[in-house]
Amino acid sequence: MKELKFVDVGEGITEGHFQKWLVKDGESVKEDQALAQIETDKAVVNLPAPISGTVKLVAKEDSTVKVGDTLAFVGTADELSSAERPPPPKMTSSMPTFMQQQPPKPEPVSMQAQPIPQQHEIMATPYVRKLARDNNIDITKVAGTGPGGRILENDIRSFASKSPAMQKPVPKFSEVLEEKHEGDIERVPLSQTRKAIAKNVEISLTIPSFTHMDIINATHLFNIVHQEKPNAEKLGVKLTFLPFIIKATIEALKENPRLNASYDAEKQEVILKKYYNIGLAAEATDGLKVVVVKNADKKSIIDIAKDIQSLHEKVMNQTITIDEMRDSTFTITNVGSLGGGFLAVPIINGHEAGILGTNIIRDWPVVVDGQIQVGKIMPFSVVIDHRIADGAEAVKFGNALIRYLEDPEFLEMLG
């Protein structure tokens, strides 16, 4: 007999929303058959049967499950009859986590003299440190329960629960307004995706950043793409400007390697990456997702276009996997694909050194050989982590991007 558990899928995911069972209690299943769907911060995941046999369901649909929770048993009828059913995963309350938890019982105080503890390094992510600051908590007084004494989010919330002020919060202004407008207000719970977005943008706002904006004369780019579209359609590929932008971005990153990197805050080191996995911000029905074109530097324009098309389809039909949404080294958000905007300031992914935002290509007066003529321009913004690189590198990256995307020979070579 085997237990079906919600395993650790990485990326810091600790819980998920158990959506539905794909089988019935007591049904015969085959090994690797999809039994259930769980929505995590990243994607909707199908959980497979660990072995063939009869399934005994444990978890309830439309509930929150934690990593390590037993969801079902699979085995013979005799094995299942003797299986002890563990308590079902607890439903998430609307009450904040730190108000749900009970504070640990205090240890008895010894009257004997104790040695003065030595100073130790505080291990905690920027998000956890910010959470401590927001709750006026001295993080040096919090005991970490993570590996090597790392302080986790739950450690901060548990510590906060000891404060009487936290247990009896002052009514928020929003709550006062809600009472005043009773009947005209609706509360909508955040989906797992929106929870992840909220957490990620909070982390991103702790990053000291620098933004550089400029304009690309995209006339040649526009012409090449429209020239090659019929050839791509014969291969069943919808060609857009994005594969060309990705290729130019990779060349610009090679000239400015500190932007294809990440920052290790605890060790105060920059991690330079020699591979190019380009993240693409993708709009989905349940919120923004970032899909990843892996090893984009080794792929042709047509191969990249195929990847973009496939990843977009998976996002829309909710079959995208977690592996297809992780390990990006630099992200591009193509605001222009939505049909509007002139300039925007995108938000850096917390594990990257920068992000490029491209806007809609539009007709605009351009100067060529001292003469004004109608051309195509594409505004862009590049935002960098100022801990890793300086503004000069953002400008150099932008200049390289302009040079490649305005170069007819480079574009024709790609096309």
Protein backbone atom coordinates (compact mmCIF):
# COMPACT_ATOMS: atom_id res chain seq x y z
CA MET A 1 0.00 0.00 0.00
CA LYS A 2 1.22 3.51 -0.84
CA GLU A 3 0.24 6.94 0.42
CA LEU A 4 -0.43 9.74 -2.05
CA LYS A 5 1.10 12.83 -0.46
CA PHE A 6 1.39 16.46 -1.50
CA VAL A 7 5.14 16.47 -2.03
CA ASP A 8 7.55 19.37 -2.01
CA VAL A 9 7.66 20.64 -5.60
CA GLY A 10 10.28 23.30 -4.87
CA GLU A 11 10.15 27.05 -5.64
CA GLY A 12 9.24 27.75 -2.00
CA ILE A 13 5.75 26.26 -2.37
CA THR A 14 4.43 25.14 1.03
CA GLU A 15 0.71 24.76 0.37
CA GLY A 16 -1.82 24.39 -2.39
CA HIS A 17 -5.54 24.57 -3.04
CA PHE A 18 -6.97 21.07 -3.48
CA GLN A 19 -9.36 21.58 -6.40
CA LYS A 20 -10.94 18.21 -7.20
CA TRP A 21 -10.60 14.46 -7.37
CA LEU A 22 -10.40 12.93 -10.85
CA VAL A 23 -11.42 9.49 -9.53
CA LYS A 24 -14.03 8.15 -7.10
CA ASP A 25 -13.45 6.58 -3.70
CA GLY A 26 -12.92 2.83 -4.09
CA GLU A 27 -12.15 3.08 -7.81
CA SER A 28 -9.44 0.92 -9.40
CA VAL A 29 -6.55 3.02 -10.74
CA LYS A 30 -3.36 2.40 -12.67
CA GLU A 31 0.14 3.55 -11.79
CA ASP A 32 0.79 7.16 -12.94
CA GLN A 33 -2.94 7.75 -13.60
CA ALA A 34 -3.94 11.32 -12.68
CA LEU A 35 -5.92 11.17 -9.43
CA ALA A 36 -6.36 14.79 -8.38
CA GLN A 37 -5.72 18.42 -9.28
CA ILE A 38 -4.01 20.89 -6.94
CA GLU A 39 -3.52 24.58 -7.68
CA THR A 40 -0.16 25.86 -6.41
CA ASP A 41 1.39 29.31 -6.55
CA LYS A 42 2.76 28.44 -9.99
CA ALA A 43 0.34 26.15 -11.81
CA VAL A 44 -2.41 23.53 -11.60
CA VAL A 45 -0.69 20.20 -10.89
CA ASN A 46 -2.07 16.71 -11.61
CA LEU A 47 -1.09 14.19 -8.92
CA PRO A 48 -0.42 10.66 -10.28
CA ALA A 49 -1.13 7.33 -8.59
CA PRO A 50 2.08 5.95 -7.00
CA ILE A 51 1.05 2.33 -7.81
CA SER A 52 -1.83 0.40 -9.37
CA GLY A 53 -4.64 -0.66 -7.05
CA THR A 54 -7.77 0.61 -5.34
CA VAL A 55 -7.86 4.21 -4.15
CA LYS A 56 -9.12 5.41 -0.78
CA LEU A 57 -9.69 9.19 -0.80
CA VAL A 58 -8.73 11.31 2.21
CA ALA A 59 -8.47 14.97 1.23
CA LYS A 60 -11.58 17.06 0.70
CA GLU A 61 -12.17 19.06 -2.45
CA ASP A 62 -11.95 22.86 -2.26
CA SER A 63 -9.59 22.81 0.71
CA THR A 64 -6.06 23.96 1.46
CA VAL A 65 -3.39 21.26 1.81
CA LYS A 66 0.15 21.56 3.13
CA VAL A 67 3.29 19.89 1.80
CA GLY A 68 3.48 16.43 3.40
CA ASP A 69 -0.29 16.00 3.89
CA THR A 70 -1.66 12.54 3.03
CA LEU A 71 -4.28 12.89 0.32
CA ALA A 72 -5.16 9.25 -0.40
CA PHE A 73 -4.10 5.61 -0.05
CA VAL A 74 -3.63 3.19 -2.95
CA GLY A 75 -3.44 -0.56 -2.40
CA THR A 76 -5.44 -3.78 -2.15
CA ALA A 77 -8.83 -3.95 -0.46
CA ASP A 78 -7.31 -5.71 2.57
CA GLU A 79 -4.56 -3.12 2.92
CA LEU A 80 -7.01 -0.25 2.66
CA SER A 81 -9.34 -1.70 5.28
CA SER A 82 -6.51 -1.57 7.82
CA ALA A 83 -5.27 1.88 6.78
CA GLU A 84 -5.73 4.57 9.40
CA ARG A 85 -7.32 7.64 7.96
CA PRO A 86 -5.26 10.68 9.03
CA PRO A 87 -7.06 13.90 9.94
CA PRO A 88 -8.12 15.80 6.80
CA PRO A 89 -6.10 18.89 5.84
CA LYS A 90 -7.29 21.96 7.70
CA MET A 91 -9.31 24.56 5.86
CA THR A 92 -7.65 27.92 5.58
CA SER A 93 -9.34 30.51 7.76
CA SER A 94 -9.76 34.12 6.74
CA MET A 95 -8.05 34.97 10.02
CA PRO A 96 -4.32 35.81 9.59
CA THR A 97 -1.97 32.89 10.23
CA PHE A 98 -0.31 34.55 13.20
CA MET A 99 -3.72 34.92 14.92
CA GLN A 100 -4.63 31.24 14.31
CA GLN A 101 -1.54 29.82 15.96
CA GLN A 102 -1.23 29.37 19.69
CA PRO A 103 1.98 30.66 21.26
CA PRO A 104 4.33 27.97 22.58
CA LYS A 105 4.36 27.39 26.33
CA PRO A 106 7.21 29.28 28.00
CA GLU A 107 10.15 27.24 29.24
CA PRO A 108 10.80 27.30 33.01
CA VAL A 109 13.36 29.94 33.92
CA SER A 110 16.48 28.73 35.71
CA MET A 111 17.83 30.93 38.51
CA GLN A 112 21.37 29.78 37.78
CA ALA A 113 23.74 32.03 35.92
CA GLN A 114 23.73 31.38 32.18
CA PRO A 115 26.63 32.00 29.80
CA ILE A 116 26.23 35.00 27.52
CA PRO A 117 25.15 33.70 24.11
CA GLN A 118 27.47 34.44 21.23
CA GLN A 119 26.36 36.61 18.36
CA HIS A 120 25.14 34.53 15.39
CA GLU A 121 24.24 35.34 11.82
CA ILE A 122 20.54 35.85 11.21
CA MET A 123 19.45 33.68 8.28
CA ALA A 124 16.24 34.95 6.70
CA THR A 125 15.04 35.97 3.24
CA PRO A 126 14.36 39.66 2.44
CA TYR A 127 10.62 38.91 2.50
CA VAL A 128 10.83 37.43 6.03
CA ARG A 129 12.93 40.37 7.24
CA LYS A 130 10.38 42.81 5.81
CA LEU A 131 7.57 40.88 7.49
CA ALA A 132 9.38 41.24 10.83
CA ARG A 133 9.85 44.98 10.29
CA ASP A 134 6.21 45.46 9.30
CA ASN A 135 5.15 43.80 12.57
CA ASN A 136 7.71 45.71 14.68
CA ILE A 137 9.48 42.47 15.59
CA ASP A 138 13.16 42.30 16.54
CA ILE A 139 14.20 39.44 14.27
CA THR A 140 17.23 38.66 16.46
CA LYS A 141 14.82 37.44 19.14
CA VAL A 142 13.03 34.98 16.83
CA ALA A 143 14.04 31.31 16.93
CA GLY A 144 14.32 29.87 13.41
CA THR A 145 12.86 26.43 12.70
CA GLY A 146 14.22 26.14 9.16
CA PRO A 147 17.38 24.30 8.03
CA GLY A 148 20.42 25.51 9.92
CA GLY A 149 18.26 27.78 12.07
CA ARG A 150 16.86 29.76 9.12
CA ILE A 151 13.95 31.98 10.17
CA LEU A 152 10.80 31.20 8.23
CA GLU A 153 7.61 33.18 7.64
CA ASN A 154 5.71 31.01 10.14
CA ASP A 155 8.37 31.73 12.80
CA ILE A 156 7.64 35.46 12.48
CA ARG A 157 3.88 34.93 12.60
CA SER A 158 4.17 32.60 15.60
CA PHE A 159 6.32 35.16 17.43
CA ALA A 160 3.84 37.91 16.57
CA SER A 161 0.99 35.88 18.09
CA LYS A 162 2.54 36.40 21.54
CA SER A 163 1.85 40.13 21.39
CA PRO A 164 -1.45 41.17 23.03
CA ALA A 165 -1.64 44.04 20.58
CA MET A 166 -1.61 41.57 17.70
CA GLN A 167 -4.32 39.42 19.33
CA LYS A 168 -6.65 42.40 19.70
CA PRO A 169 -6.13 44.37 16.49
CA VAL A 170 -7.56 47.85 16.12
CA PRO A 171 -10.32 47.84 13.48
CA LYS A 172 -8.95 48.83 10.09
CA PHE A 173 -10.36 51.78 8.20
CA SER A 174 -11.48 49.38 5.45
CA GLU A 175 -13.47 47.38 8.02
CA VAL A 176 -15.17 50.55 9.25
CA LEU A 177 -16.14 51.45 5.68
CA GLU A 178 -17.33 47.91 5.03
CA GLU A 179 -19.66 48.11 8.02
CA LYS A 180 -20.93 51.47 6.81
CA HIS A 181 -21.62 50.12 3.30
CA GLU A 182 -22.93 46.72 4.35
CA GLY A 183 -24.61 44.96 1.42
CA ASP A 184 -22.73 46.94 -1.21
CA ILE A 185 -19.34 45.24 -0.73
CA GLU A 186 -18.19 41.79 -1.81
CA ARG A 187 -15.07 40.02 -0.51
CA VAL A 188 -13.29 37.90 -3.14
CA PRO A 189 -10.69 35.37 -1.85
CA LEU A 190 -7.34 35.44 -3.66
CA SER A 191 -6.55 32.45 -5.85
CA GLN A 192 -3.23 30.66 -5.32
CA THR A 193 -1.89 32.48 -8.38
CA ARG A 194 -2.90 35.91 -7.09
CA LYS A 195 -1.44 35.06 -3.66
CA ALA A 196 1.86 34.24 -5.39
CA ILE A 197 1.71 37.48 -7.41
CA ALA A 198 1.06 39.48 -4.23
CA LYS A 199 3.98 37.86 -2.43
CA ASN A 200 6.35 38.23 -5.40
CA VAL A 201 5.65 41.93 -5.94
CA GLU A 202 6.15 42.56 -2.21
CA ILE A 203 9.55 40.88 -2.46
CA SER A 204 10.35 42.81 -5.64
CA LEU A 205 9.63 46.14 -3.93
CA THR A 206 12.43 45.40 -1.45
CA ILE A 207 14.91 45.42 -4.36
CA PRO A 208 16.69 48.78 -4.91
CA SER A 209 16.21 49.28 -8.63
CA PHE A 210 17.19 51.59 -11.48
CA THR A 211 15.08 52.15 -14.62
CA HIS A 212 16.39 53.15 -18.05
CA MET A 213 14.05 54.04 -20.94
CA ASP A 214 14.74 54.55 -24.63
CA ILE A 215 13.25 54.16 -28.11
CA ILE A 216 14.18 51.72 -30.89
CA ASN A 217 13.71 52.50 -34.57
CA ALA A 218 11.88 49.25 -35.33
CA THR A 219 11.29 49.90 -39.04
CA HIS A 220 13.62 47.10 -40.21
CA LEU A 221 12.32 44.76 -37.51
CA PHE A 222 8.74 45.42 -38.60
CA ASN A 223 9.57 44.75 -42.26
CA ILE A 224 11.53 41.53 -41.57
CA VAL A 225 8.76 40.04 -39.41
CA HIS A 226 6.06 40.77 -41.99
CA GLN A 227 8.31 39.44 -44.75
CA GLU A 228 8.92 36.14 -42.90
CA LYS A 229 5.38 35.58 -41.59
CA PRO A 230 4.17 33.63 -44.68
CA ASN A 231 7.19 31.30 -44.48
CA ALA A 232 6.56 30.69 -40.77
CA GLU A 233 2.87 29.99 -41.39
CA LYS A 234 3.84 27.19 -43.80
CA LEU A 235 5.58 25.58 -40.81
CA GLY A 236 2.50 26.06 -38.64
CA VAL A 237 4.13 28.85 -36.63
CA LYS A 238 2.73 32.28 -35.82
CA LEU A 239 5.68 34.65 -36.10
CA THR A 240 5.75 37.77 -33.92
CA PHE A 241 8.33 40.38 -32.98
CA LEU A 242 9.09 38.63 -29.69
CA PRO A 243 11.51 35.91 -30.93
CA PHE A 244 13.66 38.64 -32.54
CA ILE A 245 13.56 40.69 -29.33
CA ILE A 246 14.62 37.60 -27.35
CA LYS A 247 17.59 36.99 -29.66
CA ALA A 248 18.70 40.62 -29.45
CA THR A 249 18.24 40.56 -25.65
CA ILE A 250 20.53 37.53 -25.35
CA GLU A 251 23.27 39.28 -27.37
CA ALA A 252 22.89 42.37 -25.16
CA LEU A 253 23.12 40.17 -22.04
CA LYS A 254 26.33 38.58 -23.34
CA GLU A 255 27.82 42.08 -23.52
CA ASN A 256 26.47 42.91 -20.04
CA PRO A 257 26.75 39.61 -18.09
CA ARG A 258 25.86 41.10 -14.69
CA LEU A 259 22.27 41.46 -15.92
CA ASN A 260 22.02 37.70 -16.52
CA ALA A 261 22.53 37.01 -12.85
CA SER A 262 20.99 36.89 -9.39
CA TYR A 263 21.92 38.21 -5.95
CA ASP A 264 22.63 36.04 -2.90
CA ALA A 265 21.77 38.45 -0.08
CA GLU A 266 23.01 36.16 2.71
CA LYS A 267 26.44 35.57 1.19
CA GLN A 268 26.51 39.00 -0.51
CA GLU A 269 27.56 37.42 -3.79
CA VAL A 270 26.46 37.90 -7.40
CA ILE A 271 25.67 34.64 -9.20
CA LEU A 272 26.59 35.06 -12.87
CA LYS A 273 24.73 32.64 -15.16
CA LYS A 274 26.27 31.30 -18.36
CA TYR A 275 22.95 29.96 -19.69
CA TYR A 276 20.05 31.97 -21.08
CA ASN A 277 16.56 30.97 -19.97
CA ILE A 278 14.28 33.83 -20.93
CA GLY A 279 11.15 34.34 -18.86
CA LEU A 280 8.09 35.76 -20.60
CA ALA A 281 5.25 37.43 -18.71
CA ALA A 282 2.03 35.75 -19.88
CA GLU A 283 -1.50 36.94 -19.18
CA ALA A 284 -3.81 34.17 -17.93
CA THR A 285 -7.41 34.00 -16.77
CA ASP A 286 -6.32 33.66 -13.13
CA GLY A 287 -3.49 36.19 -13.21
CA LEU A 288 -0.01 36.87 -14.55
CA LYS A 289 2.36 33.93 -15.02
CA VAL A 290 5.98 33.81 -16.16
CA VAL A 291 6.78 31.01 -18.62
CA VAL A 292 10.35 30.20 -19.61
CA VAL A 293 12.00 29.59 -22.98
CA LYS A 294 14.88 27.34 -21.94
CA ASN A 295 18.34 27.66 -23.57
CA ALA A 296 17.02 30.33 -25.93
CA ASP A 297 20.54 31.19 -27.11
CA LYS A 298 20.80 27.76 -28.77
CA LYS A 299 17.48 27.98 -30.61
CA SER A 300 16.47 29.45 -33.95
CA ILE A 301 13.83 32.14 -34.40
CA ILE A 302 11.34 29.49 -35.55
CA ASP A 303 12.13 27.22 -32.58
CA ILE A 304 11.64 30.12 -30.15
CA ALA A 305 8.37 31.05 -31.87
CA LYS A 306 7.20 27.43 -31.49
CA ASP A 307 8.11 27.48 -27.77
CA ILE A 308 6.24 30.75 -27.21
CA GLN A 309 3.16 29.41 -29.00
CA SER A 310 3.21 26.12 -27.05
CA LEU A 311 3.75 27.80 -23.67
CA HIS A 312 0.95 30.31 -24.34
CA GLU A 313 -1.49 27.51 -25.21
CA LYS A 314 -0.57 25.62 -22.03
CA VAL A 315 -1.13 28.72 -19.92
CA MET A 316 -4.56 29.31 -21.44
CA ASN A 317 -5.74 25.70 -21.01
CA GLN A 318 -4.07 25.37 -17.58
CA THR A 319 -1.75 22.51 -18.50
CA ILE A 320 1.48 24.46 -17.91
CA THR A 321 3.91 22.63 -15.59
CA ILE A 322 5.99 24.08 -12.78
CA ASP A 323 9.19 23.13 -14.61
CA GLU A 324 8.07 25.29 -17.56
CA MET A 325 7.74 28.28 -15.22
CA ARG A 326 11.03 28.17 -13.30
CA ASP A 327 14.78 28.74 -13.69
CA SER A 328 14.52 31.94 -15.73
CA THR A 329 17.65 34.11 -15.86
CA PHE A 330 16.11 37.29 -17.33
CA THR A 331 12.50 38.25 -18.05
CA ILE A 332 10.79 40.15 -20.86
CA THR A 333 7.29 41.57 -20.50
CA ASN A 334 5.81 42.56 -23.85
CA VAL A 335 3.26 45.25 -23.01
CA GLY A 336 2.94 45.95 -26.73
CA SER A 337 1.15 42.64 -27.29
CA LEU A 338 -1.82 44.07 -25.37
CA GLY A 339 -2.12 46.87 -27.91
CA GLY A 340 -1.52 49.93 -25.77
CA GLY A 341 0.88 52.00 -23.74
CA PHE A 342 3.94 54.07 -24.58
CA LEU A 343 6.23 53.41 -21.60
CA ALA A 344 5.89 51.26 -18.49
CA VAL A 345 8.12 50.32 -15.54
CA PRO A 346 7.99 46.54 -15.00
CA ILE A 347 8.79 44.84 -11.70
CA ILE A 348 11.90 42.67 -11.34
CA ASN A 349 11.50 38.97 -10.59
CA GLY A 350 13.04 38.49 -7.15
CA HIS A 351 15.65 35.96 -8.34
CA GLU A 352 16.85 37.97 -11.35
CA ALA A 353 19.02 41.02 -11.99
CA GLY A 354 16.77 42.74 -14.47
CA ILE A 355 13.66 42.83 -16.64
CA LEU A 356 12.93 44.29 -20.06
CA GLY A 357 9.58 45.85 -20.89
CA THR A 358 8.75 46.40 -24.58
CA ASN A 359 5.84 48.49 -25.82
CA ILE A 360 3.68 48.62 -28.91
CA ILE A 361 5.38 49.36 -32.23
CA ARG A 362 3.76 52.42 -33.78
CA ASP A 363 4.19 54.93 -36.61
CA TRP A 364 6.39 57.85 -35.53
CA PRO A 365 8.57 60.53 -37.09
CA VAL A 366 12.18 59.32 -37.26
CA VAL A 367 15.33 61.03 -38.51
CA VAL A 368 17.36 59.13 -41.14
CA ASP A 369 20.47 60.79 -42.64
CA GLY A 370 19.25 64.17 -41.43
CA GLN A 371 15.82 63.76 -42.99
CA ILE A 372 12.53 63.32 -41.13
CA GLN A 373 10.41 60.42 -42.36
CA VAL A 374 7.65 58.16 -41.05
CA GLY A 375 9.05 55.05 -39.40
CA LYS A 376 8.21 52.47 -36.78
CA ILE A 377 9.33 52.99 -33.18
CA MET A 378 9.30 50.65 -30.17
CA PRO A 379 9.73 52.26 -26.72
CA PHE A 380 11.27 50.05 -24.02
CA SER A 381 12.23 50.10 -20.35
CA VAL A 382 14.92 48.07 -18.63
CA VAL A 383 14.85 47.80 -14.83
CA ILE A 384 17.90 46.44 -12.98
CA ASP A 385 18.76 45.38 -9.44
CA HIS A 386 21.06 48.21 -8.28
CA ARG A 387 22.80 45.87 -5.82
CA ILE A 388 24.14 43.86 -8.76
CA ALA A 389 24.73 46.50 -11.41
CA ASP A 390 24.82 50.27 -11.87
CA GLY A 391 22.76 52.51 -14.11
CA ALA A 392 25.59 52.62 -16.64
CA GLU A 393 25.14 48.90 -17.31
CA ALA A 394 21.41 49.39 -17.87
CA VAL A 395 22.23 52.10 -20.42
CA LYS A 396 24.85 49.88 -22.10
CA PHE A 397 22.33 47.03 -22.26
CA GLY A 398 19.76 49.37 -23.81
CA ASN A 399 22.26 50.68 -26.35
CA ALA A 400 23.20 47.12 -27.35
CA LEU A 401 19.52 46.19 -27.70
CA ILE A 402 18.96 49.20 -29.97
CA ARG A 403 22.05 48.36 -32.03
CA TYR A 404 20.93 44.79 -32.71
CA LEU A 405 17.26 45.50 -33.39
CA GLU A 406 18.08 48.40 -35.72
CA ASP A 407 20.68 46.38 -37.66
CA PRO A 408 19.21 45.03 -40.94
CA GLU A 409 22.03 42.49 -41.34
CA PHE A 410 21.50 41.06 -37.85
CA LEU A 411 17.74 40.81 -38.41
CA GLU A 412 18.09 39.26 -41.85
CA MET A 413 20.54 36.71 -40.46
CA LEU A 414 17.97 35.73 -37.84
CA GLY A 415 15.11 35.74 -40.31
